[in-house]
Amino acid sequence: MTHGIGHNSNHDPDGYAGRLHLWRRARADLVAPRLPIEIVRMRVRRAAALGLPYKTYASIRATTGRDVIALLFSSNALDMRPAPAPAALEKLAGVAAERGVLVHLPLPDDAPPPLDWAARAPPFTDTWGAMRRRLDGVLAARALPRDGVVMVGATAVEREWCAAARAAGWVSREAYFGG
């Protein structure tokens, strides 16, 4: 019996065993081998130095493929009315990364120590495009790669900043500072 062009005669050239082998190989390529214990320990120490839970740090690192180099807080996350909470400043003093804050109006846009810098937060009335341009400008002015910045905020609007800035991740104030 002859079949026309494009007909496979119900014959699979790879067969079930071939497809199974290809699937297992592709799956093995996706699932990374286990990390050596020394690297896991080093990453646990790095997460602690950033003040992040290890699972959060590991997730961000796996997603972006790079280390976190900066933390960007909202003034709400630091409870800056009119000055940041002393407990927050104490925790930030030990953070081994660049520390910035996006300050909402009417608060002054200055960075109290141990913060490294401050910038004006996008107003709640900004469109998505305006918010993205403002955040891009903030990160570009400090030569910070987007996928190396974790944002810490307190509201749903501030969570949108992470997507607008294409940052590495977002952490809630409660998850970062506890309580």
N, C-alpha and C. Protein backbone atom coordinates (compact mmCIF):
# COMPACT_ATOMS: atom_id res chain seq x y z
N MET A 1 0.85 -1.17 0.00
CA MET A 1 0.00 0.00 0.00
C MET A 1 0.89 1.23 0.00
N THR A 2 0.62 2.14 -0.89
CA THR A 2 1.40 3.36 -0.99
C THR A 2 0.63 4.52 -0.37
N HIS A 3 1.39 5.39 0.25
CA HIS A 3 0.81 6.58 0.87
C HIS A 3 1.40 7.82 0.22
N GLY A 4 0.64 8.91 0.26
CA GLY A 4 1.10 10.14 -0.37
C GLY A 4 2.15 10.86 0.47
N ILE A 5 2.65 11.93 -0.11
CA ILE A 5 3.66 12.75 0.56
C ILE A 5 3.06 13.32 1.85
N GLY A 6 3.82 13.27 2.94
CA GLY A 6 3.39 13.82 4.22
C GLY A 6 2.68 12.81 5.09
N HIS A 7 2.43 11.62 4.59
CA HIS A 7 1.75 10.61 5.40
C HIS A 7 2.81 9.77 6.09
N ASN A 8 2.61 9.51 7.39
CA ASN A 8 3.65 8.79 8.12
C ASN A 8 3.35 7.30 8.25
N SER A 9 2.32 6.83 7.62
CA SER A 9 1.98 5.40 7.63
C SER A 9 1.78 4.88 9.05
N ASN A 10 1.34 5.76 9.94
CA ASN A 10 1.15 5.38 11.34
C ASN A 10 2.43 4.83 11.96
N HIS A 11 3.53 5.31 11.49
CA HIS A 11 4.82 4.85 12.01
C HIS A 11 5.56 6.03 12.64
N ASP A 12 5.94 5.90 13.88
CA ASP A 12 6.69 6.92 14.58
C ASP A 12 8.16 6.52 14.53
N PRO A 13 9.00 7.31 13.85
CA PRO A 13 10.40 6.90 13.71
C PRO A 13 11.13 6.78 15.04
N ASP A 14 10.72 7.57 16.04
CA ASP A 14 11.39 7.47 17.33
C ASP A 14 10.79 6.37 18.19
N GLY A 15 9.54 6.11 18.04
CA GLY A 15 8.88 5.10 18.86
C GLY A 15 8.72 5.59 20.29
N TYR A 16 8.00 4.81 21.07
CA TYR A 16 7.72 5.19 22.45
C TYR A 16 9.02 5.32 23.25
N ALA A 17 9.90 4.37 23.10
CA ALA A 17 11.16 4.38 23.86
C ALA A 17 11.99 5.61 23.50
N GLY A 18 11.98 5.99 22.23
CA GLY A 18 12.74 7.17 21.81
C GLY A 18 12.17 8.45 22.40
N ARG A 19 10.83 8.57 22.36
CA ARG A 19 10.19 9.77 22.93
C ARG A 19 10.42 9.83 24.44
N LEU A 20 10.33 8.68 25.10
CA LEU A 20 10.55 8.64 26.54
C LEU A 20 11.98 9.08 26.88
N HIS A 21 12.93 8.62 26.11
CA HIS A 21 14.33 9.00 26.33
C HIS A 21 14.50 10.52 26.15
N LEU A 22 13.92 11.06 25.07
CA LEU A 22 14.04 12.50 24.82
C LEU A 22 13.37 13.30 25.93
N TRP A 23 12.22 12.83 26.41
CA TRP A 23 11.52 13.54 27.49
C TRP A 23 12.36 13.53 28.76
N ARG A 24 12.90 12.37 29.11
CA ARG A 24 13.72 12.27 30.33
C ARG A 24 14.97 13.15 30.24
N ARG A 25 15.56 13.20 29.08
CA ARG A 25 16.75 14.03 28.88
C ARG A 25 16.42 15.52 29.01
N ALA A 26 15.29 15.93 28.40
CA ALA A 26 14.87 17.33 28.50
C ALA A 26 14.54 17.68 29.95
N ARG A 27 13.90 16.81 30.65
CA ARG A 27 13.55 17.04 32.07
C ARG A 27 14.82 17.16 32.91
N ALA A 28 15.78 16.30 32.67
CA ALA A 28 17.04 16.36 33.42
C ALA A 28 17.77 17.67 33.16
N ASP A 29 17.67 18.20 31.93
CA ASP A 29 18.31 19.48 31.62
C ASP A 29 17.64 20.63 32.36
N LEU A 30 16.32 20.51 32.60
CA LEU A 30 15.60 21.57 33.30
C LEU A 30 15.85 21.56 34.80
N VAL A 31 15.93 20.39 35.37
CA VAL A 31 16.12 20.26 36.81
C VAL A 31 17.62 20.32 37.09
N ALA A 32 18.01 21.37 37.78
CA ALA A 32 19.43 21.55 38.07
C ALA A 32 19.90 20.49 39.07
N PRO A 33 21.13 20.10 38.96
CA PRO A 33 21.66 19.17 39.95
C PRO A 33 21.70 19.85 41.31
N ARG A 34 21.76 19.06 42.34
CA ARG A 34 21.80 19.62 43.70
C ARG A 34 23.08 20.43 43.89
N LEU A 35 22.91 21.54 44.59
CA LEU A 35 24.06 22.40 44.86
C LEU A 35 24.93 21.77 45.94
N PRO A 36 26.23 21.96 45.83
CA PRO A 36 27.11 21.50 46.91
C PRO A 36 26.76 22.23 48.21
N ILE A 37 26.93 21.55 49.31
CA ILE A 37 26.55 22.10 50.62
C ILE A 37 27.28 23.40 50.93
N GLU A 38 28.51 23.55 50.46
CA GLU A 38 29.26 24.79 50.72
C GLU A 38 28.57 25.99 50.05
N ILE A 39 28.05 25.78 48.85
CA ILE A 39 27.36 26.87 48.15
C ILE A 39 26.05 27.19 48.85
N VAL A 40 25.33 26.18 49.30
CA VAL A 40 24.09 26.42 50.04
C VAL A 40 24.39 27.21 51.31
N ARG A 41 25.41 26.83 52.03
CA ARG A 41 25.77 27.56 53.26
C ARG A 41 26.14 29.01 52.95
N MET A 42 26.88 29.21 51.86
CA MET A 42 27.27 30.56 51.47
C MET A 42 26.02 31.39 51.13
N ARG A 43 25.06 30.80 50.46
CA ARG A 43 23.85 31.51 50.10
C ARG A 43 22.95 31.77 51.31
N VAL A 44 22.96 30.88 52.26
CA VAL A 44 22.22 31.12 53.51
C VAL A 44 22.82 32.32 54.23
N ARG A 45 24.15 32.39 54.27
CA ARG A 45 24.81 33.55 54.90
C ARG A 45 24.51 34.84 54.12
N ARG A 46 24.48 34.76 52.80
CA ARG A 46 24.18 35.95 51.99
C ARG A 46 22.75 36.42 52.23
N ALA A 47 21.81 35.49 52.30
CA ALA A 47 20.42 35.85 52.58
C ALA A 47 20.32 36.56 53.93
N ALA A 48 21.03 36.04 54.92
CA ALA A 48 21.03 36.66 56.25
C ALA A 48 21.66 38.05 56.19
N ALA A 49 22.72 38.21 55.41
CA ALA A 49 23.38 39.52 55.30
C ALA A 49 22.48 40.54 54.61
N LEU A 50 21.57 40.07 53.78
CA LEU A 50 20.61 40.96 53.12
C LEU A 50 19.37 41.20 53.97
N GLY A 51 19.20 40.39 55.01
CA GLY A 51 18.01 40.50 55.84
C GLY A 51 16.80 39.82 55.22
N LEU A 52 17.03 38.94 54.25
CA LEU A 52 15.95 38.25 53.57
C LEU A 52 15.82 36.81 54.07
N PRO A 53 14.59 36.28 54.07
CA PRO A 53 14.45 34.85 54.35
C PRO A 53 15.16 34.06 53.24
N TYR A 54 15.75 32.92 53.60
CA TYR A 54 16.52 32.15 52.61
C TYR A 54 15.66 31.74 51.43
N LYS A 55 14.44 31.29 51.67
CA LYS A 55 13.58 30.85 50.56
C LYS A 55 13.33 31.99 49.58
N THR A 56 13.13 33.18 50.09
CA THR A 56 12.92 34.34 49.23
C THR A 56 14.17 34.63 48.41
N TYR A 57 15.32 34.65 49.08
CA TYR A 57 16.59 34.91 48.41
C TYR A 57 16.87 33.85 47.34
N ALA A 58 16.68 32.58 47.69
CA ALA A 58 16.94 31.50 46.75
C ALA A 58 16.01 31.58 45.55
N SER A 59 14.78 31.94 45.78
CA SER A 59 13.81 32.08 44.69
C SER A 59 14.21 33.20 43.74
N ILE A 60 14.59 34.34 44.30
CA ILE A 60 15.01 35.48 43.47
C ILE A 60 16.28 35.13 42.71
N ARG A 61 17.21 34.50 43.38
CA ARG A 61 18.47 34.12 42.74
C ARG A 61 18.24 33.12 41.60
N ALA A 62 17.35 32.16 41.81
CA ALA A 62 17.05 31.18 40.78
C ALA A 62 16.33 31.81 39.59
N THR A 63 15.47 32.78 39.87
CA THR A 63 14.70 33.42 38.81
C THR A 63 15.56 34.34 37.96
N THR A 64 16.39 35.14 38.62
CA THR A 64 17.18 36.14 37.89
C THR A 64 18.55 35.62 37.45
N GLY A 65 19.07 34.64 38.16
CA GLY A 65 20.39 34.12 37.83
C GLY A 65 21.52 35.00 38.34
N ARG A 66 21.19 35.95 39.23
CA ARG A 66 22.24 36.82 39.78
C ARG A 66 21.96 37.13 41.23
N ASP A 67 22.95 37.71 41.88
CA ASP A 67 22.82 38.06 43.29
C ASP A 67 22.06 39.37 43.44
N VAL A 68 21.50 39.56 44.61
CA VAL A 68 20.82 40.82 44.94
C VAL A 68 21.90 41.82 45.32
N ILE A 69 21.89 42.98 44.66
CA ILE A 69 22.92 43.98 44.97
C ILE A 69 22.35 45.22 45.64
N ALA A 70 21.01 45.36 45.61
CA ALA A 70 20.41 46.55 46.22
C ALA A 70 19.01 46.22 46.74
N LEU A 71 18.66 46.88 47.81
CA LEU A 71 17.31 46.83 48.37
C LEU A 71 16.71 48.22 48.24
N LEU A 72 15.50 48.29 47.71
CA LEU A 72 14.83 49.56 47.51
C LEU A 72 13.53 49.54 48.31
N PHE A 73 13.48 50.37 49.34
CA PHE A 73 12.34 50.41 50.25
C PHE A 73 11.41 51.55 49.88
N SER A 74 10.15 51.40 50.25
CA SER A 74 9.22 52.53 50.16
C SER A 74 9.25 53.22 51.52
N SER A 75 8.87 54.49 51.54
CA SER A 75 8.82 55.19 52.84
C SER A 75 7.76 54.56 53.73
N ASN A 76 6.73 53.94 53.15
CA ASN A 76 5.73 53.23 53.96
C ASN A 76 6.34 52.00 54.61
N ALA A 77 7.19 51.28 53.89
CA ALA A 77 7.81 50.09 54.45
C ALA A 77 8.70 50.43 55.64
N LEU A 78 9.32 51.61 55.60
CA LEU A 78 10.18 52.05 56.70
C LEU A 78 9.42 52.85 57.75
N ASP A 79 8.13 53.07 57.50
CA ASP A 79 7.28 53.82 58.43
C ASP A 79 7.90 55.18 58.75
N MET A 80 8.21 55.93 57.69
CA MET A 80 8.90 57.23 57.82
C MET A 80 7.92 58.36 58.11
N ARG A 81 7.35 58.38 59.29
CA ARG A 81 6.42 59.46 59.65
C ARG A 81 6.86 60.06 60.97
N PRO A 82 7.63 61.03 61.10
CA PRO A 82 8.46 61.70 60.11
C PRO A 82 9.82 61.03 59.93
N ALA A 83 10.19 60.14 60.85
CA ALA A 83 11.50 59.48 60.72
C ALA A 83 11.28 57.97 60.77
N PRO A 84 12.19 57.21 60.14
CA PRO A 84 12.04 55.75 60.14
C PRO A 84 12.05 55.18 61.55
N ALA A 85 11.39 54.05 61.70
CA ALA A 85 11.35 53.36 62.99
C ALA A 85 12.78 52.94 63.37
N PRO A 86 13.15 53.13 64.64
CA PRO A 86 14.52 52.76 65.06
C PRO A 86 14.85 51.29 64.81
N ALA A 87 13.87 50.40 64.98
CA ALA A 87 14.14 48.97 64.75
C ALA A 87 14.47 48.72 63.28
N ALA A 88 13.81 49.42 62.38
CA ALA A 88 14.08 49.27 60.94
C ALA A 88 15.49 49.75 60.62
N LEU A 89 15.86 50.91 61.17
CA LEU A 89 17.21 51.44 60.92
C LEU A 89 18.28 50.52 61.48
N GLU A 90 18.00 49.91 62.63
CA GLU A 90 18.97 48.99 63.23
C GLU A 90 19.19 47.78 62.33
N LYS A 91 18.10 47.24 61.78
CA LYS A 91 18.25 46.10 60.88
C LYS A 91 18.99 46.50 59.61
N LEU A 92 18.68 47.68 59.06
CA LEU A 92 19.31 48.12 57.82
C LEU A 92 20.80 48.41 57.99
N ALA A 93 21.22 48.73 59.19
CA ALA A 93 22.63 49.03 59.43
C ALA A 93 23.51 47.83 59.11
N GLY A 94 22.98 46.63 59.27
CA GLY A 94 23.77 45.43 59.03
C GLY A 94 23.61 44.83 57.64
N VAL A 95 22.84 45.48 56.77
CA VAL A 95 22.57 44.93 55.43
C VAL A 95 23.78 45.13 54.53
N ALA A 96 24.20 44.04 53.88
CA ALA A 96 25.36 44.08 53.00
C ALA A 96 24.93 44.26 51.55
N ALA A 97 24.30 45.39 51.27
CA ALA A 97 23.87 45.74 49.91
C ALA A 97 23.58 47.23 49.90
N GLU A 98 23.45 47.78 48.71
CA GLU A 98 23.05 49.17 48.60
C GLU A 98 21.61 49.30 49.09
N ARG A 99 21.33 50.39 49.83
CA ARG A 99 20.01 50.59 50.41
C ARG A 99 19.45 51.93 49.99
N GLY A 100 18.32 51.89 49.29
CA GLY A 100 17.67 53.11 48.86
C GLY A 100 16.24 53.16 49.35
N VAL A 101 15.65 54.35 49.27
CA VAL A 101 14.26 54.51 49.68
C VAL A 101 13.54 55.40 48.68
N LEU A 102 12.32 55.02 48.33
CA LEU A 102 11.44 55.83 47.51
C LEU A 102 10.47 56.52 48.47
N VAL A 103 10.56 57.85 48.52
CA VAL A 103 9.83 58.62 49.52
C VAL A 103 8.57 59.22 48.92
N HIS A 104 7.44 58.99 49.60
CA HIS A 104 6.17 59.57 49.19
C HIS A 104 6.07 61.02 49.67
N LEU A 105 5.37 61.84 48.89
CA LEU A 105 5.04 63.19 49.35
C LEU A 105 4.09 63.08 50.54
N PRO A 106 4.11 63.94 51.49
CA PRO A 106 4.84 65.20 51.61
C PRO A 106 6.16 65.06 52.36
N LEU A 107 6.64 63.84 52.58
CA LEU A 107 7.89 63.65 53.31
C LEU A 107 9.06 64.18 52.49
N PRO A 108 10.09 64.69 53.16
CA PRO A 108 11.29 65.15 52.43
C PRO A 108 12.02 63.95 51.83
N ASP A 109 12.61 64.15 50.67
CA ASP A 109 13.31 63.03 50.02
C ASP A 109 14.79 63.01 50.38
N ASP A 110 15.04 62.80 51.66
CA ASP A 110 16.42 62.63 52.10
C ASP A 110 16.55 61.22 52.68
N ALA A 111 17.79 60.75 52.73
CA ALA A 111 18.06 59.38 53.17
C ALA A 111 18.75 59.40 54.52
N PRO A 112 18.01 59.08 55.58
CA PRO A 112 18.68 59.03 56.88
C PRO A 112 19.61 57.83 56.95
N PRO A 113 20.74 57.98 57.62
CA PRO A 113 21.64 56.83 57.76
C PRO A 113 20.89 55.70 58.47
N PRO A 114 21.12 54.48 58.09
CA PRO A 114 22.15 53.91 57.23
C PRO A 114 21.74 53.78 55.76
N LEU A 115 20.65 54.42 55.35
CA LEU A 115 20.26 54.37 53.94
C LEU A 115 21.29 55.10 53.09
N ASP A 116 21.52 54.60 51.90
CA ASP A 116 22.54 55.18 51.03
C ASP A 116 22.01 56.34 50.19
N TRP A 117 20.72 56.28 49.80
CA TRP A 117 20.17 57.32 48.94
C TRP A 117 18.65 57.30 49.01
N ALA A 118 18.07 58.38 48.53
CA ALA A 118 16.61 58.50 48.48
C ALA A 118 16.21 59.12 47.16
N ALA A 119 15.01 58.81 46.73
CA ALA A 119 14.44 59.39 45.52
C ALA A 119 12.95 59.56 45.75
N ARG A 120 12.35 60.40 44.95
CA ARG A 120 10.91 60.64 45.06
C ARG A 120 10.14 59.43 44.53
N ALA A 121 9.17 58.96 45.30
CA ALA A 121 8.33 57.82 44.89
C ALA A 121 7.35 58.26 43.80
N PRO A 122 6.98 57.32 42.93
CA PRO A 122 5.96 57.68 41.93
C PRO A 122 4.66 58.05 42.63
N PRO A 123 4.01 59.12 42.20
CA PRO A 123 2.73 59.47 42.81
C PRO A 123 1.67 58.42 42.47
N PHE A 124 0.67 58.32 43.32
CA PHE A 124 -0.39 57.34 43.10
C PHE A 124 -1.20 57.66 41.85
N THR A 125 -1.09 58.87 41.36
CA THR A 125 -1.85 59.28 40.18
C THR A 125 -1.11 59.00 38.87
N ASP A 126 0.14 58.54 38.95
CA ASP A 126 0.92 58.25 37.74
C ASP A 126 0.30 57.11 36.94
N THR A 127 0.37 57.22 35.62
CA THR A 127 -0.01 56.11 34.76
C THR A 127 1.09 55.05 34.85
N TRP A 128 0.80 53.87 34.31
CA TRP A 128 1.79 52.78 34.33
C TRP A 128 3.07 53.22 33.61
N GLY A 129 2.92 53.86 32.45
CA GLY A 129 4.09 54.30 31.70
C GLY A 129 4.90 55.35 32.44
N ALA A 130 4.22 56.29 33.08
CA ALA A 130 4.92 57.33 33.84
C ALA A 130 5.63 56.72 35.04
N MET A 131 4.98 55.76 35.69
CA MET A 131 5.59 55.07 36.83
C MET A 131 6.84 54.32 36.38
N ARG A 132 6.74 53.64 35.24
CA ARG A 132 7.89 52.88 34.73
C ARG A 132 9.04 53.82 34.39
N ARG A 133 8.76 54.94 33.74
CA ARG A 133 9.82 55.89 33.38
C ARG A 133 10.48 56.46 34.64
N ARG A 134 9.69 56.80 35.64
CA ARG A 134 10.26 57.34 36.87
C ARG A 134 11.17 56.32 37.55
N LEU A 135 10.70 55.09 37.66
CA LEU A 135 11.51 54.05 38.31
C LEU A 135 12.74 53.69 37.49
N ASP A 136 12.59 53.66 36.16
CA ASP A 136 13.76 53.43 35.30
C ASP A 136 14.81 54.50 35.53
N GLY A 137 14.36 55.75 35.65
CA GLY A 137 15.28 56.86 35.89
C GLY A 137 16.00 56.74 37.22
N VAL A 138 15.27 56.31 38.25
CA VAL A 138 15.87 56.14 39.58
C VAL A 138 16.96 55.08 39.53
N LEU A 139 16.67 53.93 38.91
CA LEU A 139 17.66 52.85 38.84
C LEU A 139 18.83 53.20 37.92
N ALA A 140 18.53 53.86 36.80
CA ALA A 140 19.59 54.24 35.86
C ALA A 140 20.53 55.27 36.47
N ALA A 141 19.99 56.19 37.27
CA ALA A 141 20.83 57.23 37.89
C ALA A 141 21.86 56.62 38.83
N ARG A 142 21.58 55.45 39.35
CA ARG A 142 22.51 54.78 40.26
C ARG A 142 23.19 53.59 39.62
N ALA A 143 22.99 53.41 38.32
CA ALA A 143 23.59 52.31 37.55
C ALA A 143 23.27 50.95 38.18
N LEU A 144 22.02 50.79 38.62
CA LEU A 144 21.60 49.53 39.22
C LEU A 144 20.89 48.67 38.18
N PRO A 145 21.34 47.43 38.02
CA PRO A 145 20.62 46.54 37.10
C PRO A 145 19.29 46.14 37.72
N ARG A 146 18.24 46.17 36.92
CA ARG A 146 16.90 45.87 37.43
C ARG A 146 16.82 44.54 38.14
N ASP A 147 17.45 43.51 37.55
CA ASP A 147 17.32 42.17 38.12
C ASP A 147 18.25 41.94 39.31
N GLY A 148 18.85 42.99 39.79
CA GLY A 148 19.66 42.90 41.02
C GLY A 148 19.05 43.68 42.16
N VAL A 149 17.84 44.23 41.94
CA VAL A 149 17.19 45.08 42.94
C VAL A 149 15.93 44.39 43.47
N VAL A 150 15.83 44.30 44.78
CA VAL A 150 14.63 43.79 45.43
C VAL A 150 13.93 44.97 46.08
N MET A 151 12.63 45.06 45.83
CA MET A 151 11.83 46.15 46.39
C MET A 151 11.09 45.65 47.63
N VAL A 152 11.07 46.50 48.67
CA VAL A 152 10.36 46.19 49.90
C VAL A 152 9.30 47.27 50.08
N GLY A 153 8.05 46.85 50.16
CA GLY A 153 6.96 47.81 50.25
C GLY A 153 5.87 47.38 51.20
N ALA A 154 4.84 48.25 51.31
CA ALA A 154 3.77 48.00 52.27
C ALA A 154 2.38 47.98 51.65
N THR A 155 2.23 48.43 50.41
CA THR A 155 0.90 48.51 49.81
C THR A 155 0.87 47.81 48.46
N ALA A 156 -0.35 47.59 47.98
CA ALA A 156 -0.52 46.95 46.67
C ALA A 156 0.03 47.82 45.55
N VAL A 157 -0.11 49.13 45.68
CA VAL A 157 0.42 50.04 44.65
C VAL A 157 1.94 49.94 44.60
N GLU A 158 2.56 49.86 45.77
CA GLU A 158 4.02 49.72 45.80
C GLU A 158 4.46 48.39 45.23
N ARG A 159 3.64 47.37 45.36
CA ARG A 159 3.96 46.07 44.76
C ARG A 159 4.01 46.19 43.24
N GLU A 160 3.16 47.04 42.68
CA GLU A 160 3.16 47.26 41.23
C GLU A 160 4.47 47.89 40.76
N TRP A 161 5.16 48.60 41.64
CA TRP A 161 6.44 49.20 41.27
C TRP A 161 7.42 48.13 40.81
N CYS A 162 7.37 46.98 41.45
CA CYS A 162 8.29 45.90 41.10
C CYS A 162 8.10 45.48 39.64
N ALA A 163 6.85 45.32 39.24
CA ALA A 163 6.58 44.94 37.84
C ALA A 163 6.94 46.09 36.90
N ALA A 164 6.61 47.31 37.29
CA ALA A 164 6.90 48.46 36.43
C ALA A 164 8.40 48.64 36.24
N ALA A 165 9.16 48.43 37.28
CA ALA A 165 10.62 48.60 37.21
C ALA A 165 11.32 47.35 36.67
N ARG A 166 10.58 46.26 36.53
CA ARG A 166 11.15 44.97 36.13
C ARG A 166 12.27 44.57 37.09
N ALA A 167 11.98 44.76 38.38
CA ALA A 167 12.95 44.45 39.43
C ALA A 167 12.99 42.94 39.69
N ALA A 168 13.98 42.52 40.47
CA ALA A 168 14.17 41.11 40.75
C ALA A 168 13.04 40.52 41.57
N GLY A 169 12.49 41.29 42.47
CA GLY A 169 11.44 40.75 43.32
C GLY A 169 10.88 41.80 44.26
N TRP A 170 9.80 41.42 44.92
CA TRP A 170 9.13 42.29 45.88
C TRP A 170 8.92 41.52 47.17
N VAL A 171 9.18 42.20 48.28
CA VAL A 171 9.00 41.61 49.61
C VAL A 171 8.14 42.57 50.42
N SER A 172 7.19 42.02 51.14
CA SER A 172 6.34 42.88 51.97
C SER A 172 7.11 43.35 53.19
N ARG A 173 6.67 44.47 53.74
CA ARG A 173 7.29 45.01 54.95
C ARG A 173 7.26 43.97 56.07
N GLU A 174 6.13 43.27 56.19
CA GLU A 174 5.98 42.27 57.25
C GLU A 174 6.98 41.12 57.08
N ALA A 175 7.16 40.68 55.83
CA ALA A 175 8.10 39.58 55.58
C ALA A 175 9.54 40.01 55.84
N TYR A 176 9.85 41.28 55.55
CA TYR A 176 11.23 41.75 55.72
C TYR A 176 11.55 42.09 57.17
N PHE A 177 10.66 42.86 57.80
CA PHE A 177 10.94 43.33 59.15
C PHE A 177 10.30 42.46 60.22
N GLY A 178 9.43 41.53 59.83
CA GLY A 178 8.73 40.69 60.80
C GLY A 178 7.52 41.40 61.37
N GLY A 179 6.56 40.61 61.80
CA GLY A 179 5.35 41.18 62.41
C GLY A 179 4.50 41.77 61.37
